[in-house]
């Protein structure tokens, strides 16, 4: 662009100098002839020769043949490396920094302690929580012991009930026996076979057996009542056990909370990486609401970001193979695939673009976030057979496009060499690669066409006769 501007400036200067010379020449007065000499000699005006019309010279133009689409035709765009994973580590507790064990550039491992906050008070809280657990567990054991005693009393009462029930059954059997004996003796007495004294003795024995049976039945009722009392006592001592267990659980939660607070005083690496920012020093007072103390960046992989031009968006999908190079890493190429696309289109200084990301393996750590590189993408083939032409091909004006294609379904006009003339045709442009200096033509151009290249300072009209330049040997 600068060279073109200089050429135009030189042309303008030369034109100005020629015009100035003409003005100076016209300003000089012509000599006045002597009238006497003019009367003596009257020269005759010579006859004017016939004006011959000069033919306009035929322009010589540079022409090239369009190239078919192929693997060498790739879209090359500027890209930048960003962290695959980055973590800003803040203080989770307030206090004075006891130690800072890393600095920028240090490589760290997941779980490594990077800095510690003085946690004396939190350590005391953790010990108090342990004591509270022991106290709660002691109260729980005491309540459980009472429950065990009450359950033993219930078991003993149930055993007494079984004894009473057995005795009552025995007494009832004795009553039945004495009743039968009395009935036999009474019958014999009516027959006069036995003395009345024997009948009285049998009756007395029956009465005694009946009283004994009634007494044993009372003992069974008393044993049942005792069981109910013991069970009520058991339920009474079981309630504190539940409360004591809840106290133990609460004490354990307090200990866990204290331990979490204690662990929060340790700033730990969340993954393998390298320290990129350090904003703290030992003895600094830190709080959770302050800026990050340390920043860790993952190094084994890097996210490469590229902005895809709007025309190429339909032809770029995840899984598309790419090749990435960086100026800072000469001779090194990173082969990868498109990992994800941003979907939305946004304006930029290069037109409308879509964000795409490529995950690049960085096993040796040579690729650093922030590096600028170039990414070569082979987009998916277009629907038709596209052709590629140099970026310095001779394109026409937009008003000519309206004449050739009123519906504006095609996007540009292009000069081609046909039958000895410059022919202006309408074409549809696809991808444009600034880096490779190529433009993709989707339709309107034939493989047999010869495309006219741009020549600074030389105009060209549709249908104008032209001559292709001889190929350089």
Protein backbone atom coordinates (compact mmCIF):
# COMPACT_ATOMS: atom_id res chain seq x y z
CA UNK A 1 0.00 0.00 0.00
CA UNK A 2 2.87 2.40 0.82
CA UNK A 3 4.59 1.68 -2.53
CA UNK A 4 1.37 2.37 -4.42
CA UNK A 5 0.89 5.65 -2.60
CA UNK A 6 4.47 6.71 -3.50
CA UNK A 7 3.92 5.95 -7.17
CA UNK A 8 0.76 8.00 -7.24
CA UNK A 9 2.57 10.86 -5.51
CA UNK A 10 5.38 10.78 -8.11
CA UNK A 11 2.85 10.92 -10.93
CA UNK A 12 1.13 13.87 -9.33
CA UNK A 13 4.47 15.74 -8.96
CA UNK A 14 5.45 15.10 -12.58
CA UNK A 15 2.11 16.32 -13.85
CA UNK A 16 2.41 19.48 -11.78
CA UNK A 17 5.90 20.22 -13.14
CA UNK A 18 4.73 19.78 -16.76
CA UNK A 19 1.80 22.09 -16.19
CA UNK A 20 4.03 24.71 -14.61
CA UNK A 21 6.40 24.56 -17.60
CA UNK A 22 3.57 25.11 -20.01
CA UNK A 23 2.37 28.13 -18.11
CA UNK A 24 5.86 29.70 -18.08
CA UNK A 25 6.31 29.10 -21.80
CA UNK A 26 2.98 30.70 -22.61
CA UNK A 27 3.79 33.78 -20.51
CA UNK A 28 6.74 34.86 -22.74
CA UNK A 29 5.87 37.54 -25.46
CA UNK A 30 6.38 36.55 -29.11
CA UNK A 31 8.61 39.04 -31.27
CA UNK A 32 6.67 41.63 -33.33
CA UNK A 33 7.55 41.39 -37.14
CA UNK A 34 8.56 44.48 -39.17
CA UNK A 35 5.52 45.66 -41.17
CA UNK A 36 7.76 46.73 -44.13
CA UNK A 37 9.29 43.37 -44.39
CA UNK A 38 5.91 41.88 -44.05
CA UNK A 39 4.63 44.00 -47.04
CA UNK A 40 7.60 43.16 -49.26
CA UNK A 41 7.55 39.49 -48.64
CA UNK A 42 4.15 37.95 -48.41
CA UNK A 43 4.71 34.33 -47.69
CA UNK A 44 2.06 31.89 -48.66
CA UNK A 45 0.60 29.62 -46.05
CA UNK A 46 1.70 26.04 -46.57
CA UNK A 47 -0.99 23.47 -47.05
CA UNK A 48 -1.87 21.50 -43.87
CA UNK A 49 -1.12 17.80 -44.06
CA UNK A 50 -4.00 15.37 -43.47
CA UNK A 51 -4.38 14.35 -39.79
CA UNK A 52 -3.88 10.63 -39.38
CA UNK A 53 -5.81 8.88 -36.55
CA UNK A 54 -3.45 7.02 -34.22
CA UNK A 55 -4.50 3.58 -33.04
CA UNK A 56 -4.73 3.15 -29.29
CA UNK A 57 -1.92 0.83 -28.12
CA UNK A 58 -2.99 -2.55 -26.79
CA UNK A 59 -2.20 -2.98 -23.11
CA UNK A 60 -0.16 -5.88 -21.87
CA UNK A 61 -1.57 -7.61 -18.81
CA UNK A 62 -0.32 -10.28 -16.47
CA UNK A 63 -2.58 -13.34 -16.38
CA UNK A 64 -2.70 -16.50 -14.25
CA UNK A 65 -4.78 -19.65 -14.31
CA UNK A 66 -7.02 -20.39 -11.32
CA UNK A 67 -5.94 -23.29 -9.16
CA UNK A 68 -8.32 -26.08 -8.14
CA UNK A 69 -9.14 -26.55 -4.49
CA UNK A 70 -6.78 -28.89 -2.65
CA UNK A 71 -5.07 -29.64 0.68
CA UNK A 72 -2.51 -26.89 0.09
CA UNK A 73 -5.23 -24.25 0.10
CA UNK A 74 -5.69 -23.55 3.77
CA UNK A 75 -7.02 -20.65 5.77
CA UNK A 76 -4.20 -19.12 7.81
CA UNK A 77 -5.20 -16.86 10.69
CA UNK A 78 -3.52 -15.19 13.63
CA UNK A 79 -4.03 -17.02 16.92
CA UNK A 80 -3.05 -16.58 20.54
CA UNK A 81 -2.27 -19.02 23.32
CA UNK A 82 -4.34 -18.83 26.50
CA UNK A 83 -4.17 -20.91 29.69
CA UNK A 84 -6.02 -24.20 29.52
CA UNK A 85 -6.65 -23.89 33.25
CA UNK A 86 -5.86 -21.01 35.58
CA UNK A 87 -6.61 -20.69 39.27
CA UNK A 88 -6.41 -17.54 41.38
CA UNK A 89 -5.84 -18.57 44.99
CA UNK A 90 -7.34 -16.34 47.70
CA UNK A 91 -6.99 -16.49 51.47
CA UNK A 92 -9.91 -18.43 52.98
CA UNK A 93 -9.21 -17.14 56.49
CA UNK A 94 -8.03 -13.89 57.98
CA UNK A 95 -4.64 -13.74 59.64
CA UNK A 96 -0.93 -13.18 59.21
CA UNK A 97 0.98 -15.16 56.62
CA UNK A 98 3.31 -17.50 58.44
CA UNK A 99 5.15 -18.59 55.29
CA UNK A 100 5.14 -18.28 51.48
CA UNK A 101 6.97 -21.24 49.98
CA UNK A 102 6.86 -20.44 46.23
CA UNK A 103 7.58 -17.60 43.82
CA UNK A 104 6.75 -16.84 40.20
CA UNK A 105 8.10 -19.41 37.78
CA UNK A 106 8.12 -22.21 40.35
CA UNK A 107 6.55 -25.47 39.19
CA UNK A 108 4.18 -27.01 41.69
CA UNK A 109 2.35 -30.31 42.14
CA UNK A 110 -1.29 -30.88 42.99
CA UNK A 111 -1.79 -30.79 46.76
CA UNK A 112 1.50 -28.98 47.44
CA UNK A 113 1.32 -26.38 50.23
CA UNK A 114 2.21 -23.00 48.74
CA UNK A 115 1.62 -20.68 51.72
CA UNK A 116 0.31 -20.87 55.30
CA UNK A 117 -1.59 -18.45 57.52
CA UNK A 118 -0.88 -18.36 61.25
CA UNK A 119 -3.70 -20.45 62.76
CA UNK A 120 -2.97 -20.53 66.51
CA UNK A 121 -6.53 -19.57 67.51
CA UNK A 122 -8.04 -22.00 65.05
CA UNK A 123 -5.86 -24.78 66.43
CA UNK A 124 -7.23 -24.04 69.92
CA UNK A 125 -10.77 -24.20 68.54
CA UNK A 126 -10.00 -27.61 67.07
CA UNK A 127 -8.69 -28.89 70.44
CA UNK A 128 -11.78 -27.54 72.24
CA UNK A 129 -13.96 -29.34 69.73
CA UNK A 130 -12.14 -32.59 70.51
CA UNK A 131 -12.71 -32.08 74.26
CA UNK A 132 -16.39 -31.40 73.61
CA UNK A 133 -16.62 -34.68 71.72
CA UNK A 134 -15.12 -36.59 74.64
CA UNK A 135 -17.55 -34.95 77.07
CA UNK A 136 -20.52 -35.74 74.87
CA UNK A 137 -19.36 -39.30 74.41
CA UNK A 138 -19.04 -39.68 78.22
CA UNK A 139 -22.60 -38.46 78.72
CA UNK A 140 -23.72 -40.85 76.01
CA UNK A 141 -22.01 -43.78 77.67
CA UNK A 142 -23.64 -42.90 81.00
CA UNK A 143 -27.07 -42.73 79.40
CA UNK A 144 -26.45 -46.01 77.59
CA UNK A 145 -25.44 -47.64 80.90
CA UNK A 146 -28.73 -46.55 82.48
CA UNK A 147 -30.57 -48.02 79.56
CA UNK A 148 -28.72 -51.29 79.96
CA UNK A 149 -29.65 -51.36 83.70
CA UNK A 150 -33.27 -50.66 82.95
CA UNK A 151 -33.36 -53.35 80.33
CA UNK A 152 -31.86 -55.81 82.81
CA UNK A 153 -34.62 -54.96 85.30
CA UNK A 154 -37.21 -55.57 82.61
CA UNK A 155 -35.64 -58.95 81.89
CA UNK A 156 -35.65 -59.83 85.61
CA UNK A 157 -39.28 -58.81 85.96
CA UNK A 158 -40.21 -60.94 82.99
CA UNK A 159 -38.41 -63.88 84.60
CA UNK A 160 -40.38 -63.35 87.84
CA UNK A 161 -43.56 -63.32 85.79
CA UNK A 162 -42.72 -66.65 84.27
CA UNK A 163 -42.06 -68.12 87.75
CA UNK A 164 -45.34 -66.75 89.03
CA UNK A 165 -47.21 -68.08 86.05
CA UNK A 166 -45.67 -71.54 86.57
CA UNK A 167 -46.59 -71.51 90.25
CA UNK A 168 -50.12 -70.40 89.43
CA UNK A 169 -50.50 -73.23 86.97
CA UNK A 170 -49.30 -75.70 89.63
CA UNK A 171 -51.75 -74.31 92.17
CA UNK A 172 -54.59 -74.54 89.71
CA UNK A 173 -53.70 -78.18 89.01
CA UNK A 174 -53.70 -78.87 92.78
CA UNK A 175 -57.18 -77.33 93.05
CA UNK A 176 -58.43 -79.60 90.32
CA UNK A 177 -56.91 -82.64 92.05
CA UNK A 178 -58.38 -81.75 95.46
CA UNK A 179 -61.77 -81.13 93.91
CA UNK A 180 -61.85 -84.55 92.33
CA UNK A 181 -60.67 -86.17 95.57
CA UNK A 182 -63.38 -84.35 97.54
CA UNK A 183 -66.05 -85.41 95.08
CA UNK A 184 -65.06 -89.13 95.41
CA UNK A 185 -64.95 -88.99 99.22
CA UNK A 186 -68.28 -87.19 99.38
CA UNK A 187 -69.85 -89.87 97.17
CA UNK A 188 -68.49 -92.70 99.32
CA UNK A 189 -69.77 -90.89 102.39
CA UNK A 190 -73.30 -90.83 101.01
CA UNK A 191 -73.05 -94.58 100.53
CA UNK A 192 -71.80 -94.92 104.12
CA UNK A 193 -68.54 -96.35 102.92
CA UNK A 194 -66.35 -93.72 104.62
CA UNK A 195 -66.48 -91.80 107.82
CA UNK A 196 -67.62 -88.12 107.87
CA UNK A 197 -64.24 -87.12 109.27
CA UNK A 198 -62.58 -88.12 105.99
CA UNK A 199 -65.02 -85.95 104.08
CA UNK A 200 -64.17 -82.96 106.26
CA UNK A 201 -60.45 -83.49 105.70
CA UNK A 202 -60.94 -83.67 101.91
CA UNK A 203 -62.99 -80.48 101.96
CA UNK A 204 -60.36 -78.70 104.02
CA UNK A 205 -57.67 -79.71 101.58
CA UNK A 206 -59.77 -78.41 98.64
CA UNK A 207 -60.27 -75.06 100.34
CA UNK A 208 -56.54 -74.77 101.06
CA UNK A 209 -55.66 -75.58 97.43
CA UNK A 210 -58.17 -72.98 96.22
CA UNK A 211 -56.70 -70.28 98.44
CA UNK A 212 -53.21 -71.15 97.29
CA UNK A 213 -54.26 -70.92 93.64
CA UNK A 214 -55.84 -67.51 94.22
CA UNK A 215 -52.66 -66.34 95.91
CA UNK A 216 -50.50 -67.51 92.98
CA UNK A 217 -52.76 -65.72 90.53
CA UNK A 218 -52.21 -62.50 92.48
CA UNK A 219 -48.49 -63.03 92.18
CA UNK A 220 -48.82 -63.23 88.37
CA UNK A 221 -50.75 -59.97 88.30
CA UNK A 222 -48.09 -58.37 90.48
CA UNK A 223 -45.31 -59.63 88.17
CA UNK A 224 -47.08 -58.15 85.14
CA UNK A 225 -47.41 -54.81 86.91
CA UNK A 226 -43.71 -54.91 87.78
CA UNK A 227 -42.83 -55.48 84.12
CA UNK A 228 -44.86 -52.46 83.07
CA UNK A 229 -43.06 -50.36 85.68
CA UNK A 230 -39.66 -51.55 84.50
CA UNK A 231 -40.52 -50.88 80.85
CA UNK A 232 -41.64 -47.36 81.69
CA UNK A 233 -38.36 -46.80 83.47
CA UNK A 234 -36.50 -48.15 80.41
CA UNK A 235 -38.29 -45.70 78.13
CA UNK A 236 -37.44 -42.91 80.56
CA UNK A 237 -33.71 -43.64 80.44
CA UNK A 238 -33.68 -44.25 76.67
CA UNK A 239 -34.67 -40.67 75.86
CA UNK A 240 -31.41 -39.15 77.19
CA UNK A 241 -29.47 -41.58 75.02
CA UNK A 242 -30.90 -39.99 71.86
CA UNK A 243 -30.10 -36.53 73.16
CA UNK A 244 -26.59 -37.61 74.17
CA UNK A 245 -25.99 -39.09 70.71
CA UNK A 246 -27.09 -35.81 69.08
CA UNK A 247 -24.66 -33.97 71.35
CA UNK A 248 -21.86 -36.25 70.18
CA UNK A 249 -22.79 -35.66 66.51
CA UNK A 250 -22.89 -31.89 67.07
CA UNK A 251 -19.49 -31.99 68.77
CA UNK A 252 -18.05 -33.92 65.83
CA UNK A 253 -19.46 -31.38 63.38
CA UNK A 254 -17.85 -28.60 65.40
CA UNK A 255 -14.55 -30.45 65.20
CA UNK A 256 -14.96 -30.91 61.45
CA UNK A 257 -15.74 -27.22 61.09
CA UNK A 258 -12.66 -26.31 63.11
CA UNK A 259 -10.51 -28.64 61.02
CA UNK A 260 -11.86 -27.10 57.78
CA UNK A 261 -11.02 -23.66 59.10
CA UNK A 262 -7.59 -24.94 60.07
CA UNK A 263 -7.04 -26.45 56.61
CA UNK A 264 -8.17 -23.17 55.05
CA UNK A 265 -5.06 -21.55 56.46
CA UNK A 266 -3.05 -23.68 54.03
CA UNK A 267 -3.02 -22.47 50.43
CA UNK A 268 -2.65 -25.60 48.31
CA UNK A 269 -2.00 -26.10 44.57
CA UNK A 270 -5.23 -27.37 42.93
CA UNK A 271 -3.37 -28.97 40.01
CA UNK A 272 0.10 -29.42 38.51
CA UNK A 273 1.30 -26.13 37.04
CA UNK A 274 3.49 -23.09 37.45
CA UNK A 275 3.17 -19.98 39.61
CA UNK A 276 2.60 -16.92 37.41
CA UNK A 277 1.59 -14.28 39.98
CA UNK A 278 2.61 -13.71 43.61
CA UNK A 279 0.97 -10.86 45.54
CA UNK A 280 2.02 -11.69 49.10
CA UNK A 281 4.96 -11.99 51.48
CA UNK A 282 5.45 -13.53 54.93
CA UNK A 283 3.90 -11.54 57.82
CA UNK A 284 1.35 -9.88 55.51
CA UNK A 285 -2.13 -9.65 56.99
CA UNK A 286 -4.56 -11.25 54.56
CA UNK A 287 -8.34 -11.54 54.33
CA UNK A 288 -10.68 -13.50 52.05
CA UNK A 289 -11.92 -10.29 50.38
CA UNK A 290 -8.44 -9.28 49.21
CA UNK A 291 -7.06 -9.94 45.68
CA UNK A 292 -5.62 -13.35 44.89
CA UNK A 293 -2.39 -14.13 46.72
CA UNK A 294 -1.09 -16.53 44.04
CA UNK A 295 -2.05 -17.52 40.50
CA UNK A 296 -1.37 -21.02 39.15
CA UNK A 297 -1.47 -21.90 35.44
CA UNK A 298 -1.62 -25.39 34.00
CA UNK A 299 1.33 -26.15 31.72
CA UNK A 300 0.73 -29.57 30.17
CA UNK A 301 -1.86 -28.19 27.73
CA UNK A 302 -2.64 -24.77 26.25
CA UNK A 303 -5.82 -23.36 24.76
CA UNK A 304 -5.18 -21.73 21.35
CA UNK A 305 -7.82 -19.17 20.38
CA UNK A 306 -8.51 -18.07 16.79
CA UNK A 307 -11.16 -15.79 15.30
CA UNK A 308 -12.85 -17.44 12.32
CA UNK A 309 -14.02 -15.03 9.56
CA UNK A 310 -17.77 -15.00 9.01
CA UNK A 311 -17.56 -16.57 5.55
CA UNK A 312 -15.68 -19.57 6.91
CA UNK A 313 -17.95 -20.23 9.91
CA UNK A 314 -20.22 -22.80 8.17
CA UNK A 315 -17.14 -24.79 7.18
CA UNK A 316 -15.39 -24.94 10.57
CA UNK A 317 -16.57 -27.55 13.07
CA UNK A 318 -15.02 -29.33 16.08
CA UNK A 319 -12.70 -32.13 15.01
CA UNK A 320 -11.24 -30.25 12.02
CA UNK A 321 -7.48 -30.78 11.73
CA UNK A 322 -5.25 -27.73 12.23
CA UNK A 323 -1.55 -26.90 12.43
CA UNK A 324 -0.21 -24.19 14.73
CA UNK A 325 3.16 -22.43 14.64
CA UNK A 326 4.59 -19.68 16.80
CA UNK A 327 7.27 -17.16 15.87
CA UNK A 328 8.92 -17.63 19.25
CA UNK A 329 9.27 -21.37 18.57
CA UNK A 330 10.89 -21.60 15.11
CA UNK A 331 10.78 -24.98 13.44
CA UNK A 332 8.17 -26.33 15.84
CA UNK A 333 4.68 -27.26 14.67
CA UNK A 334 1.73 -28.31 16.81
CA UNK A 335 -0.78 -30.63 15.15
CA UNK A 336 -4.20 -30.59 16.80
CA UNK A 337 -7.92 -30.39 16.10
CA UNK A 338 -10.59 -27.77 16.64
CA UNK A 339 -11.90 -28.50 20.14
CA UNK A 340 -14.87 -26.15 20.38
CA UNK A 341 -16.51 -23.17 18.68
CA UNK A 342 -18.13 -20.16 20.30
CA UNK A 343 -21.28 -20.30 18.11
CA UNK A 344 -22.01 -16.57 18.29
CA UNK A 345 -20.63 -14.04 15.78
CA UNK A 346 -19.27 -10.73 17.00
CA UNK A 347 -17.78 -7.64 15.31
CA UNK A 348 -14.03 -7.02 15.29
CA UNK A 349 -11.49 -4.84 13.50
CA UNK A 350 -11.30 -7.61 10.86
CA UNK A 351 -15.04 -7.81 10.29
CA UNK A 352 -17.45 -10.25 11.88
CA UNK A 353 -15.80 -13.28 13.46
CA UNK A 354 -16.53 -16.32 15.64
CA UNK A 355 -14.28 -17.61 18.42
CA UNK A 356 -12.84 -21.10 18.03
CA UNK A 357 -10.56 -22.94 20.45
CA UNK A 358 -7.93 -25.62 19.92
CA UNK A 359 -6.51 -27.66 22.80
CA UNK A 360 -2.79 -28.15 22.16
CA UNK A 361 -0.65 -30.64 24.09
CA UNK A 362 2.30 -28.88 25.70
CA UNK A 363 4.20 -31.74 27.26
CA UNK A 364 7.57 -29.95 27.28
CA UNK A 365 6.12 -26.65 28.48
CA UNK A 366 7.66 -24.67 25.61
CA UNK A 367 4.35 -23.09 24.60
CA UNK A 368 3.49 -20.19 26.90
CA UNK A 369 0.11 -18.51 27.35
CA UNK A 370 0.16 -15.09 25.71
CA UNK A 371 2.22 -16.15 22.67
CA UNK A 372 0.98 -15.05 19.25
CA UNK A 373 1.13 -17.51 16.38
CA UNK A 374 -0.43 -18.57 13.10
CA UNK A 375 -2.92 -21.39 12.69
CA UNK A 376 -3.54 -23.16 9.39
CA UNK A 377 -7.03 -24.59 9.02
CA UNK A 378 -8.20 -26.72 6.13
CA UNK A 379 -11.95 -25.90 6.11
CA UNK A 380 -14.49 -28.44 5.02
CA UNK A 381 -14.88 -28.39 1.20
CA UNK A 382 -17.52 -26.08 -0.24
CA UNK A 383 -20.67 -27.47 -1.86
CA UNK A 384 -19.31 -26.93 -5.38
CA UNK A 385 -15.87 -27.08 -6.98
CA UNK A 386 -14.12 -23.91 -5.90
CA UNK A 387 -11.09 -22.27 -7.50
CA UNK A 388 -8.30 -20.21 -5.96
CA UNK A 389 -6.77 -17.06 -7.42
CA UNK A 390 -4.07 -14.63 -6.22
CA UNK A 391 -5.17 -11.84 -3.94
CA UNK A 392 -3.76 -9.25 -6.39
CA UNK A 393 -6.22 -10.31 -9.10
CA UNK A 394 -7.95 -7.47 -10.93
CA UNK A 395 -11.38 -6.93 -9.38
CA UNK A 396 -13.94 -4.44 -10.76
CA UNK A 397 -16.15 -1.81 -9.18
CA UNK A 398 -19.28 -2.65 -7.19
CA UNK A 399 -21.50 -0.67 -9.60
CA UNK A 400 -20.49 -3.03 -12.38
CA UNK A 401 -21.70 -5.89 -10.19
CA UNK A 402 -25.18 -4.41 -10.20
CA UNK A 403 -25.13 -4.29 -13.98
CA UNK A 404 -23.94 -7.88 -14.33
CA UNK A 405 -26.02 -9.35 -11.50
CA UNK A 406 -29.04 -7.20 -10.53
CA UNK A 407 -30.06 -9.59 -7.75
CA UNK A 408 -26.61 -9.26 -6.09
CA UNK A 409 -26.46 -13.00 -5.42
CA UNK A 410 -22.78 -12.82 -6.42
CA UNK A 411 -20.38 -10.74 -4.43
CA UNK A 412 -17.60 -9.33 -6.65
CA UNK A 413 -16.60 -8.58 -10.27
CA UNK A 414 -13.38 -9.92 -11.78
CA UNK A 415 -11.42 -9.24 -14.99
CA UNK A 416 -10.49 -12.29 -17.04
CA UNK A 417 -8.77 -12.65 -20.41
CA UNK A 418 -11.13 -14.01 -23.07
CA UNK A 419 -10.74 -13.88 -26.84
CA UNK A 420 -8.13 -11.12 -26.78
CA UNK A 421 -10.15 -8.84 -24.52
CA UNK A 422 -10.55 -8.01 -20.84
CA UNK A 423 -13.87 -9.46 -19.81
CA UNK A 424 -15.58 -8.38 -16.56
CA UNK A 425 -17.48 -11.25 -14.95
CA UNK A 426 -19.46 -11.64 -11.71
CA UNK A 427 -18.08 -14.13 -9.18
CA UNK A 428 -18.95 -15.29 -5.69
CA UNK A 429 -16.03 -15.04 -3.28
CA UNK A 430 -15.46 -17.59 -0.52
CA UNK A 431 -12.53 -17.67 1.86
CA UNK A 432 -9.81 -15.01 1.83
CA UNK A 433 -6.36 -15.70 3.19
CA UNK A 434 -4.29 -12.61 3.88
CA UNK A 435 -1.32 -14.73 4.90
CA UNK A 436 -1.22 -16.92 1.78
CA UNK A 437 -2.37 -14.14 -0.54
CA UNK A 438 -5.17 -16.23 -2.04
CA UNK A 439 -8.91 -15.83 -2.55
CA UNK A 440 -11.39 -18.65 -3.05
CA UNK A 441 -13.90 -18.29 -5.88
CA UNK A 442 -17.00 -20.38 -5.31
CA UNK A 443 -18.80 -19.74 -8.60
CA UNK A 444 -18.73 -17.61 -11.75
CA UNK A 445 -15.15 -18.53 -12.75
CA UNK A 446 -14.23 -21.39 -15.07
CA UNK A 447 -11.04 -23.47 -14.75
CA UNK A 448 -10.16 -22.49 -18.32
CA UNK A 449 -10.33 -18.76 -17.57
CA UNK A 450 -7.17 -16.72 -17.27
CA UNK A 451 -7.38 -14.17 -14.48
CA UNK A 452 -5.91 -10.70 -15.05
CA UNK A 453 -3.67 -9.43 -12.25
CA UNK A 454 -3.64 -5.89 -10.88
CA UNK A 455 -1.24 -3.34 -12.41
CA UNK A 456 -0.85 -0.10 -10.44
CA UNK A 457 -1.77 3.06 -12.32
CA UNK A 458 -3.29 1.30 -15.30
CA UNK A 459 -7.02 1.50 -15.98
CA UNK A 460 -8.94 -1.27 -17.63
CA UNK A 461 -12.38 -1.35 -19.21
CA UNK A 462 -14.75 -4.21 -19.89
CA UNK A 463 -14.24 -5.40 -23.46
CA UNK A 464 -10.95 -3.55 -23.94
CA UNK A 465 -8.42 -5.39 -26.15
CA UNK A 466 -5.43 -6.62 -24.16
CA UNK A 467 -2.39 -8.77 -24.73
CA UNK A 468 -1.19 -11.33 -22.17
CA UNK A 469 2.39 -10.85 -21.09
CA UNK A 470 4.94 -13.38 -22.18
CA UNK A 471 5.74 -15.84 -19.39
CA UNK A 472 9.03 -15.14 -17.70
CA UNK A 473 11.77 -17.61 -18.62
